[in-house]
């Protein structure tokens, strides 16, 4: 299963907000055996979002979109996804009811804000709309719903809203990819020939990630089946100074080159 991740937001591109959603989603998807093959961040530009979703929908098994949901002026993602599929935005009864209940609970929990501001009544249509025919995903911790349109999954941007919503559909992301991670005190440059031979012998992807200071370098092997990975792991253990955990190196300094 090949998956593409699209994160949306001017604040991400400006560096005002750290893009933790992309790395978190990638870890979750990879851990379930799927492969993340694209990752892109775009501004709050409806036309660009729609174009990217349309292209990626045709190219990948699934597309995950996060950010830009809600009823404010820069929340354009839901309308853009609807446009990508040539669908209208609609308000499902259960989604509207959930949005109203969430807003009511917030107001009851924050009476001082209700007293201070006169505009806490939300535009339910703006906040609850999803593309026609989509599967709505109710928001257990926030206001804006997500949705699933064919193989495109749309989630809110706040991590405390995205994570539980993703967990509700996480079992739909799967595949045969298996991985194993090791650590080595050897400089990265000293491993080049060994990694080349490993790749020639086994149909695996070899990831080498240099660290700094006393932290050992990290090596990750990935394959499409357990047997291939097991063979590559056995060969690596026999031919390289690798351990399963950094603590097993007893403070050995990892020199990088």
C-alpha atoms as a PDB file:
ATOM      1  CA  UNK A   1       0.000   0.000   0.000  1.00  0.00           C
ATOM      2  CA  UNK A   2       1.545   3.288  -1.132  1.00  0.00           C
ATOM      3  CA  UNK A   3       0.427   6.353   0.800  1.00  0.00           C
ATOM      4  CA  UNK A   4       0.982  10.079   0.237  1.00  0.00           C
ATOM      5  CA  UNK A   5       0.783  12.666   3.024  1.00  0.00           C
ATOM      6  CA  UNK A   6      -0.323  16.245   2.350  1.00  0.00           C
ATOM      7  CA  UNK A   7      -0.127  18.786   5.169  1.00  0.00           C
ATOM      8  CA  UNK A   8      -1.813  22.146   4.705  1.00  0.00           C
ATOM      9  CA  UNK A   9      -1.148  25.519   6.292  1.00  0.00           C
ATOM     10  CA  UNK A  10       0.556  28.853   5.753  1.00  0.00           C
ATOM     11  CA  UNK A  11       1.787  28.629   9.343  1.00  0.00           C
ATOM     12  CA  UNK A  12       3.699  25.431   8.564  1.00  0.00           C
ATOM     13  CA  UNK A  13       5.518  26.986   5.628  1.00  0.00           C
ATOM     14  CA  UNK A  14       6.338  30.106   7.649  1.00  0.00           C
ATOM     15  CA  UNK A  15       7.782  28.002  10.458  1.00  0.00           C
ATOM     16  CA  UNK A  16       5.286  29.417  12.947  1.00  0.00           C
ATOM     17  CA  UNK A  17       4.012  25.896  13.683  1.00  0.00           C
ATOM     18  CA  UNK A  18       6.201  22.796  13.723  1.00  0.00           C
ATOM     19  CA  UNK A  19       4.942  20.162  11.301  1.00  0.00           C
ATOM     20  CA  UNK A  20       4.740  17.253  13.726  1.00  0.00           C
ATOM     21  CA  UNK A  21       1.696  15.794  11.959  1.00  0.00           C
ATOM     22  CA  UNK A  22       3.676  14.682   8.913  1.00  0.00           C
ATOM     23  CA  UNK A  23       6.271  12.724  10.890  1.00  0.00           C
ATOM     24  CA  UNK A  24       3.668  11.256  13.260  1.00  0.00           C
ATOM     25  CA  UNK A  25       1.448  10.100  10.395  1.00  0.00           C
ATOM     26  CA  UNK A  26       4.423   8.630   8.549  1.00  0.00           C
ATOM     27  CA  UNK A  27       5.425   6.595  11.611  1.00  0.00           C
ATOM     28  CA  UNK A  28       1.888   5.341  12.156  1.00  0.00           C
ATOM     29  CA  UNK A  29       1.396   4.348   8.524  1.00  0.00           C
ATOM     30  CA  UNK A  30       4.803   2.711   8.188  1.00  0.00           C
ATOM     31  CA  UNK A  31       4.317   0.769  11.412  1.00  0.00           C
ATOM     32  CA  UNK A  32       1.224  -0.821   9.888  1.00  0.00           C
ATOM     33  CA  UNK A  33       3.145  -2.131   6.880  1.00  0.00           C
ATOM     34  CA  UNK A  34       2.260   0.545   4.317  1.00  0.00           C
ATOM     35  CA  UNK A  35       4.821   2.701   2.524  1.00  0.00           C
ATOM     36  CA  UNK A  36       4.817   6.494   2.567  1.00  0.00           C
ATOM     37  CA  UNK A  37       6.056   7.513  -0.877  1.00  0.00           C
ATOM     38  CA  UNK A  38       5.222  11.239  -0.944  1.00  0.00           C
ATOM     39  CA  UNK A  39       5.117  14.018   1.627  1.00  0.00           C
ATOM     40  CA  UNK A  40       4.309  17.630   0.798  1.00  0.00           C
ATOM     41  CA  UNK A  41       3.286  20.805   2.613  1.00  0.00           C
ATOM     42  CA  UNK A  42       1.221  23.391   0.755  1.00  0.00           C
ATOM     43  CA  UNK A  43      -0.275  26.764   1.724  1.00  0.00           C
ATOM     44  CA  UNK A  44      -3.950  27.463   2.341  1.00  0.00           C
ATOM     45  CA  UNK A  45      -4.518  27.595  -1.409  1.00  0.00           C
ATOM     46  CA  UNK A  46      -7.723  25.822  -2.428  1.00  0.00           C
ATOM     47  CA  UNK A  47      -6.768  25.413  -6.075  1.00  0.00           C
ATOM     48  CA  UNK A  48      -3.374  23.915  -5.234  1.00  0.00           C
ATOM     49  CA  UNK A  49      -4.857  21.572  -2.633  1.00  0.00           C
ATOM     50  CA  UNK A  50      -7.502  20.361  -5.097  1.00  0.00           C
ATOM     51  CA  UNK A  51      -4.928  19.849  -7.853  1.00  0.00           C
ATOM     52  CA  UNK A  52      -2.606  17.881  -5.572  1.00  0.00           C
ATOM     53  CA  UNK A  53      -5.400  15.698  -4.179  1.00  0.00           C
ATOM     54  CA  UNK A  54      -6.695  14.990  -7.678  1.00  0.00           C
ATOM     55  CA  UNK A  55      -3.245  13.935  -8.948  1.00  0.00           C
ATOM     56  CA  UNK A  56      -2.321  11.904  -5.888  1.00  0.00           C
ATOM     57  CA  UNK A  57      -5.698  10.158  -5.775  1.00  0.00           C
ATOM     58  CA  UNK A  58      -4.894   8.737  -9.213  1.00  0.00           C
ATOM     59  CA  UNK A  59      -1.302   7.848  -8.334  1.00  0.00           C
ATOM     60  CA  UNK A  60      -1.409   6.288  -4.845  1.00  0.00           C
ATOM     61  CA  UNK A  61      -3.410   3.768  -2.864  1.00  0.00           C
ATOM     62  CA  UNK A  62      -4.317   6.345  -0.228  1.00  0.00           C
ATOM     63  CA  UNK A  63      -3.850  10.061   0.404  1.00  0.00           C
ATOM     64  CA  UNK A  64      -3.818  11.552   3.888  1.00  0.00           C
ATOM     65  CA  UNK A  65      -4.550  15.269   4.206  1.00  0.00           C
ATOM     66  CA  UNK A  66      -4.282  17.256   7.438  1.00  0.00           C
ATOM     67  CA  UNK A  67      -4.936  20.886   8.286  1.00  0.00           C
ATOM     68  CA  UNK A  68      -7.161  23.683   7.076  1.00  0.00           C
ATOM     69  CA  UNK A  69     -10.473  22.412   8.451  1.00  0.00           C
ATOM     70  CA  UNK A  70     -13.035  24.609  10.144  1.00  0.00           C
ATOM     71  CA  UNK A  71     -15.185  27.631   9.547  1.00  0.00           C
ATOM     72  CA  UNK A  72     -12.705  30.499   9.428  1.00  0.00           C
ATOM     73  CA  UNK A  73     -11.614  32.341   6.289  1.00  0.00           C
ATOM     74  CA  UNK A  74      -8.400  30.339   5.744  1.00  0.00           C
ATOM     75  CA  UNK A  75      -9.956  26.911   6.294  1.00  0.00           C
ATOM     76  CA  UNK A  76     -10.237  25.859   2.652  1.00  0.00           C
ATOM     77  CA  UNK A  77      -9.196  22.205   2.694  1.00  0.00           C
ATOM     78  CA  UNK A  78     -12.624  20.569   2.851  1.00  0.00           C
ATOM     79  CA  UNK A  79     -13.942  22.656  -0.053  1.00  0.00           C
ATOM     80  CA  UNK A  80     -10.766  21.930  -2.018  1.00  0.00           C
ATOM     81  CA  UNK A  81     -11.132  18.165  -1.525  1.00  0.00           C
ATOM     82  CA  UNK A  82     -14.764  18.388  -2.615  1.00  0.00           C
ATOM     83  CA  UNK A  83     -13.633  20.249  -5.718  1.00  0.00           C
ATOM     84  CA  UNK A  84     -11.008  17.585  -6.450  1.00  0.00           C
ATOM     85  CA  UNK A  85     -13.826  15.028  -6.712  1.00  0.00           C
ATOM     86  CA  UNK A  86     -16.324  17.402  -8.386  1.00  0.00           C
ATOM     87  CA  UNK A  87     -18.658  17.148  -5.420  1.00  0.00           C
ATOM     88  CA  UNK A  88     -20.739  19.662  -3.509  1.00  0.00           C
ATOM     89  CA  UNK A  89     -20.309  20.349   0.191  1.00  0.00           C
ATOM     90  CA  UNK A  90     -23.187  19.052   2.303  1.00  0.00           C
ATOM     91  CA  UNK A  91     -24.053  18.992   5.988  1.00  0.00           C
ATOM     92  CA  UNK A  92     -24.920  15.551   7.331  1.00  0.00           C
ATOM     93  CA  UNK A  93     -27.381  15.542  10.231  1.00  0.00           C
ATOM     94  CA  UNK A  94     -25.146  13.564  12.585  1.00  0.00           C
ATOM     95  CA  UNK A  95     -22.168  15.799  11.841  1.00  0.00           C
ATOM     96  CA  UNK A  96     -24.186  18.964  12.473  1.00  0.00           C
ATOM     97  CA  UNK A  97     -25.494  17.527  15.728  1.00  0.00           C
ATOM     98  CA  UNK A  98     -21.977  16.653  16.856  1.00  0.00           C
ATOM     99  CA  UNK A  99     -20.670  20.140  16.039  1.00  0.00           C
ATOM    100  CA  UNK A 100     -23.569  21.781  17.897  1.00  0.00           C
ATOM    101  CA  UNK A 101     -23.045  19.545  20.925  1.00  0.00           C
ATOM    102  CA  UNK A 102     -19.298  20.208  20.988  1.00  0.00           C
ATOM    103  CA  UNK A 103     -19.867  23.956  20.786  1.00  0.00           C
ATOM    104  CA  UNK A 104     -22.512  23.806  23.523  1.00  0.00           C
ATOM    105  CA  UNK A 105     -20.226  21.826  25.827  1.00  0.00           C
ATOM    106  CA  UNK A 106     -17.399  24.304  25.249  1.00  0.00           C
ATOM    107  CA  UNK A 107     -19.614  27.267  26.066  1.00  0.00           C
ATOM    108  CA  UNK A 108     -20.892  25.607  29.226  1.00  0.00           C
ATOM    109  CA  UNK A 109     -17.333  24.900  30.319  1.00  0.00           C
ATOM    110  CA  UNK A 110     -16.234  28.493  29.581  1.00  0.00           C
ATOM    111  CA  UNK A 111     -19.039  30.798  30.793  1.00  0.00           C
ATOM    112  CA  UNK A 112     -16.647  33.726  31.173  1.00  0.00           C
ATOM    113  CA  UNK A 113     -15.991  33.716  27.427  1.00  0.00           C
ATOM    114  CA  UNK A 114     -19.696  33.578  26.678  1.00  0.00           C
ATOM    115  CA  UNK A 115     -20.153  36.637  28.860  1.00  0.00           C
ATOM    116  CA  UNK A 116     -17.226  38.494  27.277  1.00  0.00           C
ATOM    117  CA  UNK A 117     -17.894  37.768  23.597  1.00  0.00           C
ATOM    118  CA  UNK A 118     -21.120  38.039  21.668  1.00  0.00           C
ATOM    119  CA  UNK A 119     -20.065  36.000  18.634  1.00  0.00           C
ATOM    120  CA  UNK A 120     -19.547  32.516  20.088  1.00  0.00           C
ATOM    121  CA  UNK A 121     -22.509  31.211  18.109  1.00  0.00           C
ATOM    122  CA  UNK A 122     -20.873  29.290  15.282  1.00  0.00           C
ATOM    123  CA  UNK A 123     -21.888  28.882  11.679  1.00  0.00           C
ATOM    124  CA  UNK A 124     -22.793  25.188  11.781  1.00  0.00           C
ATOM    125  CA  UNK A 125     -22.851  24.860   8.004  1.00  0.00           C
ATOM    126  CA  UNK A 126     -19.334  26.265   7.685  1.00  0.00           C
ATOM    127  CA  UNK A 127     -17.937  24.027  10.405  1.00  0.00           C
ATOM    128  CA  UNK A 128     -19.828  20.806   9.645  1.00  0.00           C
ATOM    129  CA  UNK A 129     -19.655  20.583   5.841  1.00  0.00           C
ATOM    130  CA  UNK A 130     -18.125  17.538   4.133  1.00  0.00           C
ATOM    131  CA  UNK A 131     -18.088  16.478   0.465  1.00  0.00           C
ATOM    132  CA  UNK A 132     -21.302  14.823  -0.748  1.00  0.00           C
ATOM    133  CA  UNK A 133     -21.082  11.051  -0.435  1.00  0.00           C
ATOM    134  CA  UNK A 134     -18.053  11.182   1.848  1.00  0.00           C
ATOM    135  CA  UNK A 135     -17.774   9.168   5.044  1.00  0.00           C
ATOM    136  CA  UNK A 136     -17.744  11.757   7.830  1.00  0.00           C
ATOM    137  CA  UNK A 137     -15.309  11.278  10.701  1.00  0.00           C
ATOM    138  CA  UNK A 138     -16.645  12.852  13.876  1.00  0.00           C
ATOM    139  CA  UNK A 139     -14.149  14.789  15.961  1.00  0.00           C
ATOM    140  CA  UNK A 140     -13.855  13.301  19.478  1.00  0.00           C
ATOM    141  CA  UNK A 141     -11.759  16.166  20.849  1.00  0.00           C
ATOM    142  CA  UNK A 142     -12.558  19.201  18.713  1.00  0.00           C
ATOM    143  CA  UNK A 143     -15.101  20.902  16.508  1.00  0.00           C
ATOM    144  CA  UNK A 144     -14.246  20.196  12.867  1.00  0.00           C
ATOM    145  CA  UNK A 145     -15.111  16.790  11.396  1.00  0.00           C
ATOM    146  CA  UNK A 146     -12.809  14.908   9.076  1.00  0.00           C
ATOM    147  CA  UNK A 147     -13.923  12.649   6.260  1.00  0.00           C
ATOM    148  CA  UNK A 148     -12.991   9.869   3.866  1.00  0.00           C
ATOM    149  CA  UNK A 149     -13.625  10.381   0.152  1.00  0.00           C
ATOM    150  CA  UNK A 150     -12.813   7.154  -1.673  1.00  0.00           C
ATOM    151  CA  UNK A 151      -9.128   6.710  -0.727  1.00  0.00           C
ATOM    152  CA  UNK A 152      -8.525  10.273   0.511  1.00  0.00           C
ATOM    153  CA  UNK A 153      -8.517  10.739   4.288  1.00  0.00           C
ATOM    154  CA  UNK A 154      -8.985  14.287   5.594  1.00  0.00           C
ATOM    155  CA  UNK A 155      -8.046  15.159   9.184  1.00  0.00           C
ATOM    156  CA  UNK A 156      -7.899  18.364  11.232  1.00  0.00           C
ATOM    157  CA  UNK A 157      -4.545  20.025  11.861  1.00  0.00           C
ATOM    158  CA  UNK A 158      -4.338  20.182  15.685  1.00  0.00           C
ATOM    159  CA  UNK A 159      -2.448  17.044  16.752  1.00  0.00           C
ATOM    160  CA  UNK A 160      -4.788  16.358  19.681  1.00  0.00           C
ATOM    161  CA  UNK A 161      -7.646  16.175  17.164  1.00  0.00           C
ATOM    162  CA  UNK A 162      -5.809  14.403  14.350  1.00  0.00           C
ATOM    163  CA  UNK A 163      -4.403  11.536  16.418  1.00  0.00           C
ATOM    164  CA  UNK A 164      -7.630  10.083  17.858  1.00  0.00           C
ATOM    165  CA  UNK A 165      -9.406  10.575  14.549  1.00  0.00           C
ATOM    166  CA  UNK A 166      -6.657   8.695  12.698  1.00  0.00           C
ATOM    167  CA  UNK A 167      -6.768   5.887  15.261  1.00  0.00           C
ATOM    168  CA  UNK A 168     -10.398   5.363  14.306  1.00  0.00           C
ATOM    169  CA  UNK A 169      -9.408   4.380  10.750  1.00  0.00           C
ATOM    170  CA  UNK A 170      -5.837   3.201  11.348  1.00  0.00           C
ATOM    171  CA  UNK A 171      -6.653  -0.429  10.564  1.00  0.00           C
ATOM    172  CA  UNK A 172      -7.353   0.581   6.952  1.00  0.00           C
ATOM    173  CA  UNK A 173      -3.650   1.285   6.438  1.00  0.00           C
ATOM    174  CA  UNK A 174      -1.703  -1.895   5.977  1.00  0.00           C
ATOM    175  CA  UNK A 175       0.749  -3.729   3.800  1.00  0.00           C
ATOM    176  CA  UNK A 176       3.563  -6.227   3.731  1.00  0.00           C
ATOM    177  CA  UNK A 177       6.414  -3.846   4.576  1.00  0.00           C
ATOM    178  CA  UNK A 178       8.487  -5.043   7.546  1.00  0.00           C
ATOM    179  CA  UNK A 179      11.451  -3.271   9.104  1.00  0.00           C
ATOM    180  CA  UNK A 180      14.134  -3.671  11.736  1.00  0.00           C
ATOM    181  CA  UNK A 181      16.402  -1.008  13.218  1.00  0.00           C
ATOM    182  CA  UNK A 182      19.973  -1.326  14.486  1.00  0.00           C
ATOM    183  CA  UNK A 183      22.662   0.953  15.892  1.00  0.00           C
ATOM    184  CA  UNK A 184      26.362   1.042  15.114  1.00  0.00           C
ATOM    185  CA  UNK A 185      29.420   2.937  16.386  1.00  0.00           C
ATOM    186  CA  UNK A 186      30.952   2.782  12.899  1.00  0.00           C
ATOM    187  CA  UNK A 187      31.214   6.038  10.924  1.00  0.00           C
ATOM    188  CA  UNK A 188      28.613   6.264   8.167  1.00  0.00           C
ATOM    189  CA  UNK A 189      31.284   6.523   5.471  1.00  0.00           C
ATOM    190  CA  UNK A 190      32.846   3.252   6.622  1.00  0.00           C
ATOM    191  CA  UNK A 191      29.588   1.405   5.983  1.00  0.00           C
ATOM    192  CA  UNK A 192      29.169   2.360   2.321  1.00  0.00           C
ATOM    193  CA  UNK A 193      30.676  -0.788   0.813  1.00  0.00           C
ATOM    194  CA  UNK A 194      28.883  -3.050   3.264  1.00  0.00           C
ATOM    195  CA  UNK A 195      25.511  -1.431   2.525  1.00  0.00           C
ATOM    196  CA  UNK A 196      26.122  -1.797  -1.214  1.00  0.00           C
ATOM    197  CA  UNK A 197      26.828  -5.514  -0.832  1.00  0.00           C
ATOM    198  CA  UNK A 198      23.824  -5.956   1.453  1.00  0.00           C
ATOM    199  CA  UNK A 199      21.573  -4.330  -1.130  1.00  0.00           C
ATOM    200  CA  UNK A 200      23.049  -6.508  -3.892  1.00  0.00           C
ATOM    201  CA  UNK A 201      22.437  -9.690  -1.914  1.00  0.00           C
ATOM    202  CA  UNK A 202      18.924  -8.934  -0.660  1.00  0.00           C
ATOM    203  CA  UNK A 203      15.902  -7.082  -1.981  1.00  0.00           C
ATOM    204  CA  UNK A 204      15.855  -4.610   0.897  1.00  0.00           C
ATOM    205  CA  UNK A 205      15.863  -0.880   1.419  1.00  0.00           C
ATOM    206  CA  UNK A 206      18.788   0.206   3.582  1.00  0.00           C
ATOM    207  CA  UNK A 207      18.458   3.433   5.517  1.00  0.00           C
ATOM    208  CA  UNK A 208      21.546   4.938   7.140  1.00  0.00           C
ATOM    209  CA  UNK A 209      20.987   7.854   9.505  1.00  0.00           C
ATOM    210  CA  UNK A 210      24.015   9.637  10.907  1.00  0.00           C
ATOM    211  CA  UNK A 211      23.793  11.100  14.383  1.00  0.00           C
ATOM    212  CA  UNK A 212      26.024  13.586  16.145  1.00  0.00           C
ATOM    213  CA  UNK A 213      28.188  13.452  19.236  1.00  0.00           C
ATOM    214  CA  UNK A 214      28.101  10.279  21.302  1.00  0.00           C
ATOM    215  CA  UNK A 215      24.836   8.966  19.879  1.00  0.00           C
ATOM    216  CA  UNK A 216      25.403   5.906  17.652  1.00  0.00           C
ATOM    217  CA  UNK A 217      24.382   5.934  14.011  1.00  0.00           C
ATOM    218  CA  UNK A 218      21.083   4.266  13.141  1.00  0.00           C
ATOM    219  CA  UNK A 219      20.573   1.645  10.406  1.00  0.00           C
ATOM    220  CA  UNK A 220      17.125   0.567   9.235  1.00  0.00           C
ATOM    221  CA  UNK A 221      16.395  -2.391   6.949  1.00  0.00           C
ATOM    222  CA  UNK A 222      13.015  -2.702   5.229  1.00  0.00           C
ATOM    223  CA  UNK A 223      11.644  -5.484   3.016  1.00  0.00           C
ATOM    224  CA  UNK A 224       8.368  -6.679   1.539  1.00  0.00           C
ATOM    225  CA  UNK A 225       8.394 -10.005   3.392  1.00  0.00           C
ATOM    226  CA  UNK A 226       9.664 -11.487   6.645  1.00  0.00           C
ATOM    227  CA  UNK A 227      11.925 -14.076   5.003  1.00  0.00           C
ATOM    228  CA  UNK A 228      13.867 -11.509   2.986  1.00  0.00           C
ATOM    229  CA  UNK A 229      14.243  -9.258   6.014  1.00  0.00           C
ATOM    230  CA  UNK A 230      15.393 -12.148   8.201  1.00  0.00           C
ATOM    231  CA  UNK A 231      18.082 -13.098   5.689  1.00  0.00           C
ATOM    232  CA  UNK A 232      19.324  -9.519   5.425  1.00  0.00           C
ATOM    233  CA  UNK A 233      19.321  -9.091   9.201  1.00  0.00           C
ATOM    234  CA  UNK A 234      21.329 -12.274   9.711  1.00  0.00           C
ATOM    235  CA  UNK A 235      23.888 -11.181   7.113  1.00  0.00           C
ATOM    236  CA  UNK A 236      24.174  -7.713   8.648  1.00  0.00           C
ATOM    237  CA  UNK A 237      24.742  -9.138  12.117  1.00  0.00           C
ATOM    238  CA  UNK A 238      27.505 -11.372  10.804  1.00  0.00           C
ATOM    239  CA  UNK A 239      29.304  -8.666   8.838  1.00  0.00           C
ATOM    240  CA  UNK A 240      28.836  -5.440  10.780  1.00  0.00           C
ATOM    241  CA  UNK A 241      29.218  -4.096  14.299  1.00  0.00           C
ATOM    242  CA  UNK A 242      25.545  -3.542  15.050  1.00  0.00           C
ATOM    243  CA  UNK A 243      23.374  -3.796  18.160  1.00  0.00           C
ATOM    244  CA  UNK A 244      19.657  -3.632  18.818  1.00  0.00           C
ATOM    245  CA  UNK A 245      19.741  -0.733  21.289  1.00  0.00           C
ATOM    246  CA  UNK A 246      22.145   2.211  21.713  1.00  0.00           C
ATOM    247  CA  UNK A 247      22.680   1.278  25.381  1.00  0.00           C
ATOM    248  CA  UNK A 248      24.371  -1.944  24.275  1.00  0.00           C
ATOM    249  CA  UNK A 249      27.314   0.076  22.986  1.00  0.00           C
ATOM    250  CA  UNK A 250      28.273   1.176  26.516  1.00  0.00           C
ATOM    251  CA  UNK A 251      28.892   4.782  25.545  1.00  0.00           C
ATOM    252  CA  UNK A 252      30.997   4.005  22.477  1.00  0.00           C
ATOM    253  CA  UNK A 253      31.450   7.220  20.533  1.00  0.00           C
ATOM    254  CA  UNK A 254      29.856   7.217  17.098  1.00  0.00           C
ATOM    255  CA  UNK A 255      32.150   9.082  14.731  1.00  0.00           C
ATOM    256  CA  UNK A 256      30.372  10.367  11.642  1.00  0.00           C
ATOM    257  CA  UNK A 257      31.859  10.942   8.216  1.00  0.00           C
END
